[in-house]
Each structure stands twice: as C-alpha cells, then as structure tokens.
C-alpha cells in the first residue's frame, strides 16, 4: 500500500519514470533502512514532509482488517509491549487501530522519537532503550526484517524473528506467525 504511494511521490518530486522511481525506492530502503532516510541523505529531502505526503495519506483500514487472533495473543502477554517502527507514530497508531490491538501497546518508538534514525541504525535502538530506562537484557525485540536484528543482538536484547526467506539471521527465537509469540515464549521459558 505504501510502496505505490512512495513510488508515485518519487516520480513526481524527482521527475523520474515509474521504473526509475521504484528502483530508487527499493535501493534507498535497502541501503539506508528507509526510503525517507535515503532520500534525505542523497537528495536533501527532509523526512517529516516526505512521510506526511506519502504514508501519512494512507488509511490502513483500506488494507488491514481487525485481527482477533492477534488481540487474543497480546492479551496473554504480561510484559509491556511497545511498537518500535521506522514509520511515524501517527501511521503506527492507525495500523494498530485497524488491527484492533492498540489497547495492548503502552507506547510507540517511531522514526521521529529516534531523531530520524531508523532501524538498523544503532541510534534508533539506543533511543528506545533510553526511553524505557531498562538494560537491553530486559528488553525483547520481535522483528520481521532480519537486517534489523544485529544491533539488538549486539546490545544483548532477546530477539524473535518472524521467519522469512531472507537467509540465516541470528535470533534467540524464530516463529512463523506473530500470533504464535506468547506460546513460543512460554515453551522457551521466557517470561512474557
């Protein structure tokens, strides 16, 4: 949903063809962690207006439905849950609302919170840990992008990877679906 909007924005802003804009979108996402960070680094485009004009215009309810199974799993967790995202908080809140799971999250550590640093930049992890006031060993990270795991592993966080096809990534626990999290943590003997 956001990829098309971002590609169209790049086409219009930089005067590129659809193919050129999509190649730039993907390359900057892979190289910098987010397309916004890449466009800022390479073209001097500030991230805040980029987000406002792209994913800020998307209503996730058009693409995401409530997920009662996810809500039921989150209700089983006793640990405080936070969103740690490369997106702006306003968008993250809309996604949580669309999924029907916002009540189970205590807060959001978004791209702005981290000073516009994005995962996997270490500054993003340090900003979240500083706000939590907890040592890394007392914090877990559930991640679907294996490229975002190494900084968490290096810090000593407990890591959970949602399985994917992107090769071998180091994680303390792997699960196929996020709705398996509570049960998988219990089986692993981790307080959840």
C-alpha atoms as a PDB file:
ATOM      1  CA  UNK A   1       0.000   0.000   0.000  1.00  0.00           C
ATOM      2  CA  UNK A   2       2.748   2.462   0.905  1.00  0.00           C
ATOM      3  CA  UNK A   3       5.143   1.308  -1.804  1.00  0.00           C
ATOM      4  CA  UNK A   4       2.939   2.599  -4.622  1.00  0.00           C
ATOM      5  CA  UNK A   5       2.334   5.918  -2.880  1.00  0.00           C
ATOM      6  CA  UNK A   6       6.066   6.357  -2.220  1.00  0.00           C
ATOM      7  CA  UNK A   7       6.987   5.441  -5.800  1.00  0.00           C
ATOM      8  CA  UNK A   8       4.472   7.925  -7.173  1.00  0.00           C
ATOM      9  CA  UNK A   9       5.795  10.641  -4.860  1.00  0.00           C
ATOM     10  CA  UNK A  10       9.382   9.999  -6.026  1.00  0.00           C
ATOM     11  CA  UNK A  11       8.258  10.066  -9.669  1.00  0.00           C
ATOM     12  CA  UNK A  12       6.587  13.440  -9.209  1.00  0.00           C
ATOM     13  CA  UNK A  13       9.198  15.032  -6.919  1.00  0.00           C
ATOM     14  CA  UNK A  14      12.298  13.907  -8.815  1.00  0.00           C
ATOM     15  CA  UNK A  15      10.831  13.703 -12.317  1.00  0.00           C
ATOM     16  CA  UNK A  16      11.670  10.031 -12.753  1.00  0.00           C
ATOM     17  CA  UNK A  17       9.920   7.315 -14.712  1.00  0.00           C
ATOM     18  CA  UNK A  18       7.864   4.752 -12.813  1.00  0.00           C
ATOM     19  CA  UNK A  19      10.641   2.173 -13.189  1.00  0.00           C
ATOM     20  CA  UNK A  20      13.402   4.593 -12.123  1.00  0.00           C
ATOM     21  CA  UNK A  21      11.389   5.747  -9.123  1.00  0.00           C
ATOM     22  CA  UNK A  22      10.716   2.182  -7.991  1.00  0.00           C
ATOM     23  CA  UNK A  23      14.381   1.224  -8.352  1.00  0.00           C
ATOM     24  CA  UNK A  24      15.355   4.274  -6.281  1.00  0.00           C
ATOM     25  CA  UNK A  25      12.691   3.454  -3.659  1.00  0.00           C
ATOM     26  CA  UNK A  26      13.939  -0.107  -3.226  1.00  0.00           C
ATOM     27  CA  UNK A  27      17.637   0.777  -3.312  1.00  0.00           C
ATOM     28  CA  UNK A  28      17.362   3.539  -0.720  1.00  0.00           C
ATOM     29  CA  UNK A  29      15.188   1.344   1.523  1.00  0.00           C
ATOM     30  CA  UNK A  30      17.786  -1.431   1.415  1.00  0.00           C
ATOM     31  CA  UNK A  31      20.800   0.847   1.741  1.00  0.00           C
ATOM     32  CA  UNK A  32      19.527   3.248   4.415  1.00  0.00           C
ATOM     33  CA  UNK A  33      16.809   1.317   6.264  1.00  0.00           C
ATOM     34  CA  UNK A  34      14.030   3.547   4.916  1.00  0.00           C
ATOM     35  CA  UNK A  35      13.458   5.273   1.619  1.00  0.00           C
ATOM     36  CA  UNK A  36      12.916   8.511   3.534  1.00  0.00           C
ATOM     37  CA  UNK A  37      16.374   8.274   5.121  1.00  0.00           C
ATOM     38  CA  UNK A  38      17.924   7.562   1.726  1.00  0.00           C
ATOM     39  CA  UNK A  39      16.174  10.466   0.028  1.00  0.00           C
ATOM     40  CA  UNK A  40      17.313  12.760   2.820  1.00  0.00           C
ATOM     41  CA  UNK A  41      20.915  11.550   2.536  1.00  0.00           C
ATOM     42  CA  UNK A  42      21.091  11.664  -1.243  1.00  0.00           C
ATOM     43  CA  UNK A  43      18.742  14.496  -2.201  1.00  0.00           C
ATOM     44  CA  UNK A  44      18.394  16.589   0.953  1.00  0.00           C
ATOM     45  CA  UNK A  45      14.656  15.885   1.193  1.00  0.00           C
ATOM     46  CA  UNK A  46      13.542  16.212   4.850  1.00  0.00           C
ATOM     47  CA  UNK A  47      11.932  13.095   6.233  1.00  0.00           C
ATOM     48  CA  UNK A  48       8.968  14.695   8.046  1.00  0.00           C
ATOM     49  CA  UNK A  49       7.289  16.183   4.945  1.00  0.00           C
ATOM     50  CA  UNK A  50       8.091  13.044   2.964  1.00  0.00           C
ATOM     51  CA  UNK A  51       6.207  10.915   5.493  1.00  0.00           C
ATOM     52  CA  UNK A  52       3.303  13.398   5.671  1.00  0.00           C
ATOM     53  CA  UNK A  53       2.912  13.376   1.896  1.00  0.00           C
ATOM     54  CA  UNK A  54       3.263   9.612   1.425  1.00  0.00           C
ATOM     55  CA  UNK A  55       2.206   7.133   4.113  1.00  0.00           C
ATOM     56  CA  UNK A  56       0.611   9.949   6.073  1.00  0.00           C
ATOM     57  CA  UNK A  57      -2.079   9.964   3.376  1.00  0.00           C
ATOM     58  CA  UNK A  58      -2.824   6.233   3.633  1.00  0.00           C
ATOM     59  CA  UNK A  59      -5.752   4.858   5.589  1.00  0.00           C
ATOM     60  CA  UNK A  60      -4.637   1.366   6.695  1.00  0.00           C
ATOM     61  CA  UNK A  61      -8.266   0.326   7.188  1.00  0.00           C
ATOM     62  CA  UNK A  62      -8.494   0.049   3.399  1.00  0.00           C
ATOM     63  CA  UNK A  63      -5.939  -2.772   3.508  1.00  0.00           C
ATOM     64  CA  UNK A  64      -5.956  -4.162   7.068  1.00  0.00           C
ATOM     65  CA  UNK A  65      -8.814  -5.762   8.960  1.00  0.00           C
ATOM     66  CA  UNK A  66      -9.167  -6.339  12.712  1.00  0.00           C
ATOM     67  CA  UNK A  67      -7.199  -9.364  13.858  1.00  0.00           C
ATOM     68  CA  UNK A  68      -8.932 -11.004  16.839  1.00  0.00           C
ATOM     69  CA  UNK A  69      -6.329 -13.814  16.942  1.00  0.00           C
ATOM     70  CA  UNK A  70      -3.543 -11.240  17.360  1.00  0.00           C
ATOM     71  CA  UNK A  71      -5.532  -9.389  20.030  1.00  0.00           C
ATOM     72  CA  UNK A  72      -6.102 -12.651  21.943  1.00  0.00           C
ATOM     73  CA  UNK A  73      -2.380 -13.468  21.843  1.00  0.00           C
ATOM     74  CA  UNK A  74      -1.398  -9.966  23.015  1.00  0.00           C
ATOM     75  CA  UNK A  75      -3.859 -10.286  25.904  1.00  0.00           C
ATOM     76  CA  UNK A  76      -1.851 -13.307  27.113  1.00  0.00           C
ATOM     77  CA  UNK A  77       1.389 -11.339  27.420  1.00  0.00           C
ATOM     78  CA  UNK A  78       2.267  -9.883  30.798  1.00  0.00           C
ATOM     79  CA  UNK A  79       5.263  -7.912  29.518  1.00  0.00           C
ATOM     80  CA  UNK A  80       4.745  -4.304  28.476  1.00  0.00           C
ATOM     81  CA  UNK A  81       4.524  -4.047  24.695  1.00  0.00           C
ATOM     82  CA  UNK A  82       5.690  -1.126  22.578  1.00  0.00           C
ATOM     83  CA  UNK A  83       5.842  -0.510  18.867  1.00  0.00           C
ATOM     84  CA  UNK A  84       9.365   0.122  17.541  1.00  0.00           C
ATOM     85  CA  UNK A  85       8.953   1.317  13.969  1.00  0.00           C
ATOM     86  CA  UNK A  86      10.644   3.170  11.154  1.00  0.00           C
ATOM     87  CA  UNK A  87       7.298   4.823  10.407  1.00  0.00           C
ATOM     88  CA  UNK A  88       5.808   7.917  12.066  1.00  0.00           C
ATOM     89  CA  UNK A  89       3.741   7.332  15.208  1.00  0.00           C
ATOM     90  CA  UNK A  90       0.570   8.691  13.613  1.00  0.00           C
ATOM     91  CA  UNK A  91       0.732   5.962  10.971  1.00  0.00           C
ATOM     92  CA  UNK A  92       1.587   3.279  13.538  1.00  0.00           C
ATOM     93  CA  UNK A  93      -1.469   4.264  15.599  1.00  0.00           C
ATOM     94  CA  UNK A  94      -3.682   3.956  12.519  1.00  0.00           C
ATOM     95  CA  UNK A  95      -2.304   0.458  11.836  1.00  0.00           C
ATOM     96  CA  UNK A  96      -2.844  -0.616  15.457  1.00  0.00           C
ATOM     97  CA  UNK A  97      -6.394   0.734  15.319  1.00  0.00           C
ATOM     98  CA  UNK A  98      -7.069  -1.060  12.024  1.00  0.00           C
ATOM     99  CA  UNK A  99      -5.853  -4.313  13.576  1.00  0.00           C
ATOM    100  CA  UNK A 100      -7.898  -3.653  16.729  1.00  0.00           C
ATOM    101  CA  UNK A 101      -4.871  -4.100  19.015  1.00  0.00           C
ATOM    102  CA  UNK A 102      -3.920  -0.613  20.220  1.00  0.00           C
ATOM    103  CA  UNK A 103      -5.001  -1.213  23.855  1.00  0.00           C
ATOM    104  CA  UNK A 104      -2.192  -3.763  24.273  1.00  0.00           C
ATOM    105  CA  UNK A 105       0.598  -1.299  23.451  1.00  0.00           C
ATOM    106  CA  UNK A 106       1.913   1.185  26.009  1.00  0.00           C
ATOM    107  CA  UNK A 107       3.712   3.395  23.555  1.00  0.00           C
ATOM    108  CA  UNK A 108       5.405   3.877  20.216  1.00  0.00           C
ATOM    109  CA  UNK A 109       9.063   4.466  19.456  1.00  0.00           C
ATOM    110  CA  UNK A 110       8.865   5.882  15.956  1.00  0.00           C
ATOM    111  CA  UNK A 111      11.237   7.431  13.452  1.00  0.00           C
ATOM    112  CA  UNK A 112      10.857  10.899  14.964  1.00  0.00           C
ATOM    113  CA  UNK A 113      11.471   9.598  18.508  1.00  0.00           C
ATOM    114  CA  UNK A 114      14.847   8.277  17.354  1.00  0.00           C
ATOM    115  CA  UNK A 115      15.893  11.630  15.903  1.00  0.00           C
ATOM    116  CA  UNK A 116      15.086  10.403  12.382  1.00  0.00           C
ATOM    117  CA  UNK A 117      17.428   7.438  12.749  1.00  0.00           C
ATOM    118  CA  UNK A 118      15.897   4.193  11.576  1.00  0.00           C
ATOM    119  CA  UNK A 119      16.442   0.549  12.252  1.00  0.00           C
ATOM    120  CA  UNK A 120      19.075  -0.878  11.816  1.00  0.00           C
ATOM    121  CA  UNK A 121      20.970   2.265  12.879  1.00  0.00           C
ATOM    122  CA  UNK A 122      22.156   1.769  16.489  1.00  0.00           C
ATOM    123  CA  UNK A 123      20.886   5.249  17.451  1.00  0.00           C
ATOM    124  CA  UNK A 124      17.292   4.080  16.992  1.00  0.00           C
ATOM    125  CA  UNK A 125      17.758   1.192  19.449  1.00  0.00           C
ATOM    126  CA  UNK A 126      19.536   3.405  21.983  1.00  0.00           C
ATOM    127  CA  UNK A 127      16.724   5.984  21.822  1.00  0.00           C
ATOM    128  CA  UNK A 128      14.122   3.306  22.596  1.00  0.00           C
ATOM    129  CA  UNK A 129      16.202   1.774  25.393  1.00  0.00           C
ATOM    130  CA  UNK A 130      16.842   5.208  26.921  1.00  0.00           C
ATOM    131  CA  UNK A 131      13.104   5.903  26.992  1.00  0.00           C
ATOM    132  CA  UNK A 132      12.360   2.526  28.544  1.00  0.00           C
ATOM    133  CA  UNK A 133      15.050   3.010  31.168  1.00  0.00           C
ATOM    134  CA  UNK A 134      15.825  -0.708  31.067  1.00  0.00           C
ATOM    135  CA  UNK A 135      19.018  -2.600  30.362  1.00  0.00           C
ATOM    136  CA  UNK A 136      18.986  -4.348  26.966  1.00  0.00           C
ATOM    137  CA  UNK A 137      18.945  -7.786  28.641  1.00  0.00           C
ATOM    138  CA  UNK A 138      15.454  -6.980  29.973  1.00  0.00           C
ATOM    139  CA  UNK A 139      14.056  -5.998  26.573  1.00  0.00           C
ATOM    140  CA  UNK A 140      12.859  -8.178  23.714  1.00  0.00           C
ATOM    141  CA  UNK A 141      12.533  -7.317  20.057  1.00  0.00           C
ATOM    142  CA  UNK A 142      10.106  -9.073  17.727  1.00  0.00           C
ATOM    143  CA  UNK A 143      11.180  -8.326  14.165  1.00  0.00           C
ATOM    144  CA  UNK A 144      10.128  -9.396  10.689  1.00  0.00           C
ATOM    145  CA  UNK A 145      13.201  -7.936   8.951  1.00  0.00           C
ATOM    146  CA  UNK A 146      16.395  -9.885   9.658  1.00  0.00           C
ATOM    147  CA  UNK A 147      18.519  -6.828   8.797  1.00  0.00           C
ATOM    148  CA  UNK A 148      17.166  -5.140  11.935  1.00  0.00           C
ATOM    149  CA  UNK A 149      18.318  -7.886  14.312  1.00  0.00           C
ATOM    150  CA  UNK A 150      22.130  -7.432  14.547  1.00  0.00           C
ATOM    151  CA  UNK A 151      22.059  -4.193  16.608  1.00  0.00           C
ATOM    152  CA  UNK A 152      19.607  -5.776  19.062  1.00  0.00           C
ATOM    153  CA  UNK A 153      21.736  -8.927  19.300  1.00  0.00           C
ATOM    154  CA  UNK A 154      24.898  -6.845  19.851  1.00  0.00           C
ATOM    155  CA  UNK A 155      23.175  -4.922  22.641  1.00  0.00           C
ATOM    156  CA  UNK A 156      22.068  -8.147  24.325  1.00  0.00           C
ATOM    157  CA  UNK A 157      18.330  -7.868  23.711  1.00  0.00           C
ATOM    158  CA  UNK A 158      16.218 -11.022  23.444  1.00  0.00           C
ATOM    159  CA  UNK A 159      15.346 -11.339  19.765  1.00  0.00           C
ATOM    160  CA  UNK A 160      12.451 -13.030  17.999  1.00  0.00           C
ATOM    161  CA  UNK A 161      12.405 -13.309  14.219  1.00  0.00           C
ATOM    162  CA  UNK A 162       9.262 -13.859  12.223  1.00  0.00           C
ATOM    163  CA  UNK A 163      10.503 -16.437   9.712  1.00  0.00           C
ATOM    164  CA  UNK A 164      11.005 -15.399   6.149  1.00  0.00           C
ATOM    165  CA  UNK A 165      13.035 -16.327   3.101  1.00  0.00           C
ATOM    166  CA  UNK A 166      15.948 -13.940   3.678  1.00  0.00           C
ATOM    167  CA  UNK A 167      18.518 -16.477   4.838  1.00  0.00           C
ATOM    168  CA  UNK A 168      20.034 -17.231   8.190  1.00  0.00           C
ATOM    169  CA  UNK A 169      19.720 -14.491  10.761  1.00  0.00           C
ATOM    170  CA  UNK A 170      20.766 -14.844  14.367  1.00  0.00           C
ATOM    171  CA  UNK A 171      17.807 -14.702  16.748  1.00  0.00           C
ATOM    172  CA  UNK A 172      17.005 -16.212  20.121  1.00  0.00           C
ATOM    173  CA  UNK A 173      13.665 -17.490  18.844  1.00  0.00           C
ATOM    174  CA  UNK A 174      12.028 -17.936  15.444  1.00  0.00           C
ATOM    175  CA  UNK A 175       8.307 -18.126  14.847  1.00  0.00           C
ATOM    176  CA  UNK A 176       6.288 -18.453  11.661  1.00  0.00           C
ATOM    177  CA  UNK A 177       3.449 -16.127  12.708  1.00  0.00           C
ATOM    178  CA  UNK A 178       3.315 -13.350  15.279  1.00  0.00           C
ATOM    179  CA  UNK A 179       0.216 -14.941  16.807  1.00  0.00           C
ATOM    180  CA  UNK A 180       2.494 -17.795  17.976  1.00  0.00           C
ATOM    181  CA  UNK A 181       4.567 -15.430  20.133  1.00  0.00           C
ATOM    182  CA  UNK A 182       3.041 -15.966  23.597  1.00  0.00           C
ATOM    183  CA  UNK A 183       3.080 -19.761  23.332  1.00  0.00           C
ATOM    184  CA  UNK A 184       6.600 -19.827  21.817  1.00  0.00           C
ATOM    185  CA  UNK A 185       7.933 -17.633  24.641  1.00  0.00           C
ATOM    186  CA  UNK A 186       6.335 -19.924  27.227  1.00  0.00           C
ATOM    187  CA  UNK A 187       7.864 -23.004  25.587  1.00  0.00           C
ATOM    188  CA  UNK A 188      11.257 -21.266  25.556  1.00  0.00           C
ATOM    189  CA  UNK A 189      10.918 -20.485  29.272  1.00  0.00           C
ATOM    190  CA  UNK A 190      10.869 -16.742  28.699  1.00  0.00           C
ATOM    191  CA  UNK A 191       8.616 -14.622  30.891  1.00  0.00           C
ATOM    192  CA  UNK A 192       6.158 -12.949  28.572  1.00  0.00           C
END
